[in-house]
PDB file of N, CA and C in Angstrom:
ATOM      1  N   MET A   1      68.534  28.106 -67.858  1.00  0.00           N
ATOM      2  CA  MET A   1      68.620  28.883 -69.081  1.00  0.00           C
ATOM      3  C   MET A   1      69.610  30.022 -68.855  1.00  0.00           C
ATOM      4  N   ASN A   2      70.522  30.190 -69.775  1.00  0.00           N
ATOM      5  CA  ASN A   2      71.549  31.225 -69.650  1.00  0.00           C
ATOM      6  C   ASN A   2      71.072  32.591 -70.088  1.00  0.00           C
ATOM      7  N   GLY A   3      69.946  32.681 -70.683  1.00  0.00           N
ATOM      8  CA  GLY A   3      69.443  33.953 -71.168  1.00  0.00           C
ATOM      9  C   GLY A   3      68.606  33.747 -72.411  1.00  0.00           C
ATOM     10  N   TYR A   4      68.123  34.851 -72.932  1.00  0.00           N
ATOM     11  CA  TYR A   4      67.217  34.794 -74.072  1.00  0.00           C
ATOM     12  C   TYR A   4      67.880  35.225 -75.375  1.00  0.00           C
ATOM     13  N   TYR A   5      69.159  35.564 -75.353  1.00  0.00           N
ATOM     14  CA  TYR A   5      69.821  36.112 -76.526  1.00  0.00           C
ATOM     15  C   TYR A   5      69.756  35.171 -77.734  1.00  0.00           C
ATOM     16  N   GLU A   6      70.113  33.913 -77.557  1.00  0.00           N
ATOM     17  CA  GLU A   6      70.135  32.971 -78.681  1.00  0.00           C
ATOM     18  C   GLU A   6      68.751  32.801 -79.290  1.00  0.00           C
ATOM     19  N   GLN A   7      67.744  32.671 -78.437  1.00  0.00           N
ATOM     20  CA  GLN A   7      66.376  32.512 -78.920  1.00  0.00           C
ATOM     21  C   GLN A   7      65.893  33.785 -79.606  1.00  0.00           C
ATOM     22  N   LEU A   8      66.288  34.922 -79.054  1.00  0.00           N
ATOM     23  CA  LEU A   8      65.910  36.215 -79.617  1.00  0.00           C
ATOM     24  C   LEU A   8      66.514  36.402 -81.003  1.00  0.00           C
ATOM     25  N   VAL A   9      67.782  36.069 -81.151  1.00  0.00           N
ATOM     26  CA  VAL A   9      68.461  36.195 -82.446  1.00  0.00           C
ATOM     27  C   VAL A   9      67.831  35.258 -83.467  1.00  0.00           C
ATOM     28  N   LYS A  10      67.476  34.059 -83.052  1.00  0.00           N
ATOM     29  CA  LYS A  10      66.832  33.112 -83.963  1.00  0.00           C
ATOM     30  C   LYS A  10      65.523  33.688 -84.498  1.00  0.00           C
ATOM     31  N   LEU A  11      64.719  34.262 -83.621  1.00  0.00           N
ATOM     32  CA  LEU A  11      63.450  34.848 -84.049  1.00  0.00           C
ATOM     33  C   LEU A  11      63.662  36.073 -84.936  1.00  0.00           C
ATOM     34  N   LEU A  12      64.673  36.879 -84.620  1.00  0.00           N
ATOM     35  CA  LEU A  12      64.962  38.049 -85.445  1.00  0.00           C
ATOM     36  C   LEU A  12      65.416  37.639 -86.845  1.00  0.00           C
ATOM     37  N   ARG A  13      66.266  36.629 -86.930  1.00  0.00           N
ATOM     38  CA  ARG A  13      66.723  36.158 -88.244  1.00  0.00           C
ATOM     39  C   ARG A  13      65.561  35.574 -89.056  1.00  0.00           C
ATOM     40  N   GLU A  14      64.651  34.870 -88.403  1.00  0.00           N
ATOM     41  CA  GLU A  14      63.476  34.330 -89.094  1.00  0.00           C
ATOM     42  C   GLU A  14      62.598  35.449 -89.636  1.00  0.00           C
ATOM     43  N   ALA A  15      62.608  36.602 -88.949  1.00  0.00           N
ATOM     44  CA  ALA A  15      61.824  37.759 -89.388  1.00  0.00           C
ATOM     45  C   ALA A  15      62.620  38.642 -90.352  1.00  0.00           C
ATOM     46  N   ARG A  16      63.753  38.130 -90.833  1.00  0.00           N
ATOM     47  CA  ARG A  16      64.608  38.798 -91.825  1.00  0.00           C
ATOM     48  C   ARG A  16      65.313  40.045 -91.301  1.00  0.00           C
ATOM     49  N   PHE A  17      65.582  40.085 -90.018  1.00  0.00           N
ATOM     50  CA  PHE A  17      66.431  41.139 -89.471  1.00  0.00           C
ATOM     51  C   PHE A  17      67.879  40.726 -89.678  1.00  0.00           C
ATOM     52  N   GLU A  18      68.743  41.703 -89.857  1.00  0.00           N
ATOM     53  CA  GLU A  18      70.167  41.436 -90.062  1.00  0.00           C
ATOM     54  C   GLU A  18      70.988  42.196 -89.043  1.00  0.00           C
ATOM     55  N   TYR A  19      72.065  41.570 -88.625  1.00  0.00           N
ATOM     56  CA  TYR A  19      73.004  42.217 -87.721  1.00  0.00           C
ATOM     57  C   TYR A  19      73.695  43.341 -88.484  1.00  0.00           C
ATOM     58  N   VAL A  20      73.722  44.545 -87.907  1.00  0.00           N
ATOM     59  CA  VAL A  20      74.318  45.695 -88.575  1.00  0.00           C
ATOM     60  C   VAL A  20      75.701  45.992 -88.016  1.00  0.00           C
ATOM     61  N   ARG A  21      75.776  46.171 -86.682  1.00  0.00           N
ATOM     62  CA  ARG A  21      77.047  46.541 -86.069  1.00  0.00           C
ATOM     63  C   ARG A  21      76.931  46.397 -84.561  1.00  0.00           C
ATOM     64  N   PRO A  22      78.067  46.411 -83.872  1.00  0.00           N
ATOM     65  CA  PRO A  22      77.997  46.436 -82.411  1.00  0.00           C
ATOM     66  C   PRO A  22      77.519  47.797 -81.950  1.00  0.00           C
ATOM     67  N   GLY A  23      76.841  47.825 -80.822  1.00  0.00           N
ATOM     68  CA  GLY A  23      76.403  49.075 -80.223  1.00  0.00           C
ATOM     69  C   GLY A  23      77.305  49.415 -79.056  1.00  0.00           C
ATOM     70  N   LYS A  24      76.842  50.301 -78.209  1.00  0.00           N
ATOM     71  CA  LYS A  24      77.630  50.663 -77.031  1.00  0.00           C
ATOM     72  C   LYS A  24      77.464  49.606 -75.944  1.00  0.00           C
ATOM     73  N   GLY A  25      78.541  49.306 -75.270  1.00  0.00           N
ATOM     74  CA  GLY A  25      78.489  48.360 -74.161  1.00  0.00           C
ATOM     75  C   GLY A  25      78.106  46.971 -74.624  1.00  0.00           C
ATOM     76  N   SER A  26      77.055  46.439 -74.023  1.00  0.00           N
ATOM     77  CA  SER A  26      76.639  45.065 -74.308  1.00  0.00           C
ATOM     78  C   SER A  26      75.444  45.020 -75.256  1.00  0.00           C
ATOM     79  N   HIS A  27      75.442  45.885 -76.258  1.00  0.00           N
ATOM     80  CA  HIS A  27      74.319  45.960 -77.177  1.00  0.00           C
ATOM     81  C   HIS A  27      74.762  45.772 -78.628  1.00  0.00           C
ATOM     82  N   GLU A  28      73.804  45.363 -79.450  1.00  0.00           N
ATOM     83  CA  GLU A  28      74.027  45.205 -80.890  1.00  0.00           C
ATOM     84  C   GLU A  28      72.910  45.934 -81.629  1.00  0.00           C
ATOM     85  N   VAL A  29      73.202  46.344 -82.839  1.00  0.00           N
ATOM     86  CA  VAL A  29      72.205  47.003 -83.680  1.00  0.00           C
ATOM     87  C   VAL A  29      71.783  46.019 -84.762  1.00  0.00           C
ATOM     88  N   TRP A  30      70.478  45.798 -84.872  1.00  0.00           N
ATOM     89  CA  TRP A  30      69.884  44.922 -85.867  1.00  0.00           C
ATOM     90  C   TRP A  30      68.898  45.748 -86.672  1.00  0.00           C
ATOM     91  N   ALA A  31      68.735  45.424 -87.945  1.00  0.00           N
ATOM     92  CA  ALA A  31      67.829  46.205 -88.778  1.00  0.00           C
ATOM     93  C   ALA A  31      67.159  45.349 -89.840  1.00  0.00           C
ATOM     94  N   ARG A  32      65.990  45.840 -90.258  1.00  0.00           N
ATOM     95  CA  ARG A  32      65.249  45.300 -91.401  1.00  0.00           C
ATOM     96  C   ARG A  32      64.623  46.504 -92.088  1.00  0.00           C
ATOM     97  N   GLY A  33      65.169  46.854 -93.232  1.00  0.00           N
ATOM     98  CA  GLY A  33      64.695  48.055 -93.916  1.00  0.00           C
ATOM     99  C   GLY A  33      65.012  49.285 -93.080  1.00  0.00           C
ATOM    100  N   ARG A  34      64.010  50.074 -92.792  1.00  0.00           N
ATOM    101  CA  ARG A  34      64.200  51.281 -91.970  1.00  0.00           C
ATOM    102  C   ARG A  34      64.030  51.033 -90.477  1.00  0.00           C
ATOM    103  N   LEU A  35      63.562  49.866 -90.114  1.00  0.00           N
ATOM    104  CA  LEU A  35      63.351  49.533 -88.705  1.00  0.00           C
ATOM    105  C   LEU A  35      64.662  49.081 -88.080  1.00  0.00           C
ATOM    106  N   THR A  36      65.106  49.801 -87.060  1.00  0.00           N
ATOM    107  CA  THR A  36      66.357  49.490 -86.373  1.00  0.00           C
ATOM    108  C   THR A  36      66.070  49.144 -84.918  1.00  0.00           C
ATOM    109  N   LEU A  37      66.716  48.101 -84.426  1.00  0.00           N
ATOM    110  CA  LEU A  37      66.543  47.654 -83.043  1.00  0.00           C
ATOM    111  C   LEU A  37      67.874  47.629 -82.328  1.00  0.00           C
ATOM    112  N   ILE A  38      67.849  47.914 -81.054  1.00  0.00           N
ATOM    113  CA  ILE A  38      69.006  47.754 -80.183  1.00  0.00           C
ATOM    114  C   ILE A  38      68.747  46.503 -79.345  1.00  0.00           C
ATOM    115  N   VAL A  39      69.632  45.523 -79.471  1.00  0.00           N
ATOM    116  CA  VAL A  39      69.442  44.233 -78.792  1.00  0.00           C
ATOM    117  C   VAL A  39      70.596  43.994 -77.827  1.00  0.00           C
ATOM    118  N   PRO A  40      70.293  43.793 -76.529  1.00  0.00           N
ATOM    119  CA  PRO A  40      71.360  43.470 -75.583  1.00  0.00           C
ATOM    120  C   PRO A  40      71.781  42.014 -75.744  1.00  0.00           C
ATOM    121  N   PHE A  41      73.105  41.764 -75.794  1.00  0.00           N
ATOM    122  CA  PHE A  41      73.516  40.366 -75.945  1.00  0.00           C
ATOM    123  C   PHE A  41      73.698  39.668 -74.607  1.00  0.00           C
ATOM    124  N   ASN A  42      73.382  40.350 -73.521  1.00  0.00           N
ATOM    125  CA  ASN A  42      73.317  39.693 -72.214  1.00  0.00           C
ATOM    126  C   ASN A  42      71.888  39.798 -71.693  1.00  0.00           C
ATOM    127  N   CYS A  43      70.953  39.413 -72.527  1.00  0.00           N
ATOM    128  CA  CYS A  43      69.524  39.533 -72.237  1.00  0.00           C
ATOM    129  C   CYS A  43      69.077  38.385 -71.335  1.00  0.00           C
ATOM    130  N   TYR A  44      68.999  38.660 -70.036  1.00  0.00           N
ATOM    131  CA  TYR A  44      68.590  37.641 -69.070  1.00  0.00           C
ATOM    132  C   TYR A  44      67.141  37.813 -68.635  1.00  0.00           C
ATOM    133  N   SER A  45      66.513  38.899 -69.010  1.00  0.00           N
ATOM    134  CA  SER A  45      65.152  39.191 -68.596  1.00  0.00           C
ATOM    135  C   SER A  45      64.174  38.866 -69.717  1.00  0.00           C
ATOM    136  N   ARG A  46      63.138  38.119 -69.400  1.00  0.00           N
ATOM    137  CA  ARG A  46      62.137  37.822 -70.415  1.00  0.00           C
ATOM    138  C   ARG A  46      61.364  39.070 -70.784  1.00  0.00           C
ATOM    139  N   HIS A  47      61.269  40.016 -69.857  1.00  0.00           N
ATOM    140  CA  HIS A  47      60.571  41.268 -70.132  1.00  0.00           C
ATOM    141  C   HIS A  47      61.318  42.083 -71.193  1.00  0.00           C
ATOM    142  N   THR A  48      62.634  42.115 -71.094  1.00  0.00           N
ATOM    143  CA  THR A  48      63.446  42.815 -72.095  1.00  0.00           C
ATOM    144  C   THR A  48      63.342  42.109 -73.441  1.00  0.00           C
ATOM    145  N   ALA A  49      63.412  40.789 -73.439  1.00  0.00           N
ATOM    146  CA  ALA A  49      63.304  40.025 -74.686  1.00  0.00           C
ATOM    147  C   ALA A  49      61.948  40.258 -75.338  1.00  0.00           C
ATOM    148  N   ASN A  50      60.880  40.265 -74.547  1.00  0.00           N
ATOM    149  CA  ASN A  50      59.557  40.515 -75.095  1.00  0.00           C
ATOM    150  C   ASN A  50      59.425  41.935 -75.632  1.00  0.00           C
ATOM    151  N   ALA A  51      60.071  42.893 -74.995  1.00  0.00           N
ATOM    152  CA  ALA A  51      60.032  44.279 -75.469  1.00  0.00           C
ATOM    153  C   ALA A  51      60.730  44.412 -76.825  1.00  0.00           C
ATOM    154  N   VAL A  52      61.837  43.709 -77.000  1.00  0.00           N
ATOM    155  CA  VAL A  52      62.541  43.735 -78.289  1.00  0.00           C
ATOM    156  C   VAL A  52      61.666  43.105 -79.368  1.00  0.00           C
ATOM    157  N   LEU A  53      61.024  41.991 -79.058  1.00  0.00           N
ATOM    158  CA  LEU A  53      60.145  41.337 -80.025  1.00  0.00           C
ATOM    159  C   LEU A  53      58.955  42.221 -80.375  1.00  0.00           C
ATOM    160  N   ARG A  54      58.395  42.891 -79.382  1.00  0.00           N
ATOM    161  CA  ARG A  54      57.270  43.792 -79.627  1.00  0.00           C
ATOM    162  C   ARG A  54      57.694  44.933 -80.545  1.00  0.00           C
ATOM    163  N   ALA A  55      58.878  45.495 -80.306  1.00  0.00           N
ATOM    164  CA  ALA A  55      59.391  46.586 -81.148  1.00  0.00           C
ATOM    165  C   ALA A  55      59.663  46.103 -82.578  1.00  0.00           C
ATOM    166  N   ALA A  56      59.997  44.818 -82.721  1.00  0.00           N
ATOM    167  CA  ALA A  56      60.272  44.256 -84.042  1.00  0.00           C
ATOM    168  C   ALA A  56      58.982  43.865 -84.765  1.00  0.00           C
ATOM    169  N   GLY A  57      57.877  43.845 -84.044  1.00  0.00           N
ATOM    170  CA  GLY A  57      56.617  43.448 -84.653  1.00  0.00           C
ATOM    171  C   GLY A  57      56.456  41.946 -84.751  1.00  0.00           C
ATOM    172  N   ILE A  58      57.167  41.215 -83.911  1.00  0.00           N
ATOM    173  CA  ILE A  58      57.104  39.754 -83.911  1.00  0.00           C
ATOM    174  C   ILE A  58      56.121  39.329 -82.829  1.00  0.00           C
ATOM    175  N   ASN A  59      55.150  38.521 -83.209  1.00  0.00           N
ATOM    176  CA  ASN A  59      54.111  38.091 -82.282  1.00  0.00           C
ATOM    177  C   ASN A  59      54.538  36.791 -81.582  1.00  0.00           C
ATOM    178  N   HIS A  60      55.397  36.940 -80.590  1.00  0.00           N
ATOM    179  CA  HIS A  60      55.893  35.803 -79.811  1.00  0.00           C
ATOM    180  C   HIS A  60      56.203  36.314 -78.418  1.00  0.00           C
ATOM    181  N   LYS A  61      55.950  35.504 -77.405  1.00  0.00           N
ATOM    182  CA  LYS A  61      56.263  35.888 -76.031  1.00  0.00           C
ATOM    183  C   LYS A  61      56.983  34.757 -75.328  1.00  0.00           C
ATOM    184  N   PHE A  62      57.947  35.129 -74.506  1.00  0.00           N
ATOM    185  CA  PHE A  62      58.681  34.153 -73.699  1.00  0.00           C
ATOM    186  C   PHE A  62      57.995  33.978 -72.369  1.00  0.00           C
TER     187      PHE A  62
END
């Protein structure tokens, strides 16, 4: 597995999050309403991916 980014983006899009803009370095900003997330696009750690999902309120674990 090359990382969790593709799977993470799929789950975020299903939860109606939208890509807003690039962030600093290897990060992106995603949002849904007032909820804003910083998502690394080189997410190789399942712990980081799970933390992003938890912050988004998505009940899924890798």
